[in-house]
């Protein structure tokens, strides 16, 4: 069975879709750990509601990002994590972390990469609207040592409606993000996507 680890900082709406799919027996996978960089992040609360193990690290208590990540890396290794998903994780992970789980860390970005690489959350949707784009979407990609430059696994597109707002666009894109995660995880389970290395 595929063992999934999650890193998040925010509400973890996309995580809920994965939890639901596992509980409804749509995905033959298990979430072995949900880790965060904020003790009060709702993603951790969401995980606990489903009796999932959680772990949080306060980066401010460490001298460097690398030092802060060590306990997280150890925890994921201890759990035998096959795949790590970044779900609203508001920190950039270090090259050390990337090397440790080469080809097994995925991030979802709220744009059609390479467009709007490097931006986060609402800022991306704001830029998309400001530039009068006709369509946007999301990109599921492998995490590499360069931000938002990893191999693209899956992209999904949505048209931008007349009078679209940042919030309405976020809602549309988030729905696509959940579809991306579920589709790609299923592809790993079915052997259509090979992770690692």
Foldseek 3Di string as FASTA:
>chain_A
DAEEEEEAEAQQPLVVLVVVCVVVVVAPYYHAEYEYADPPHNNQVVCVVVVHHYYYFPCVVDPDLVVRCVVVLVVCVVSVHQAYEYGHHPDQHAQVSCVSFPQRYKYKAFWDPPPPFPDDQLVSLVVCVVVVPQKTEMWIFRRHNDGPPGHTDDTDMDGADPPDDSVNSSVVRSVRVSVVVSVVSRCVVVVNDPGDD
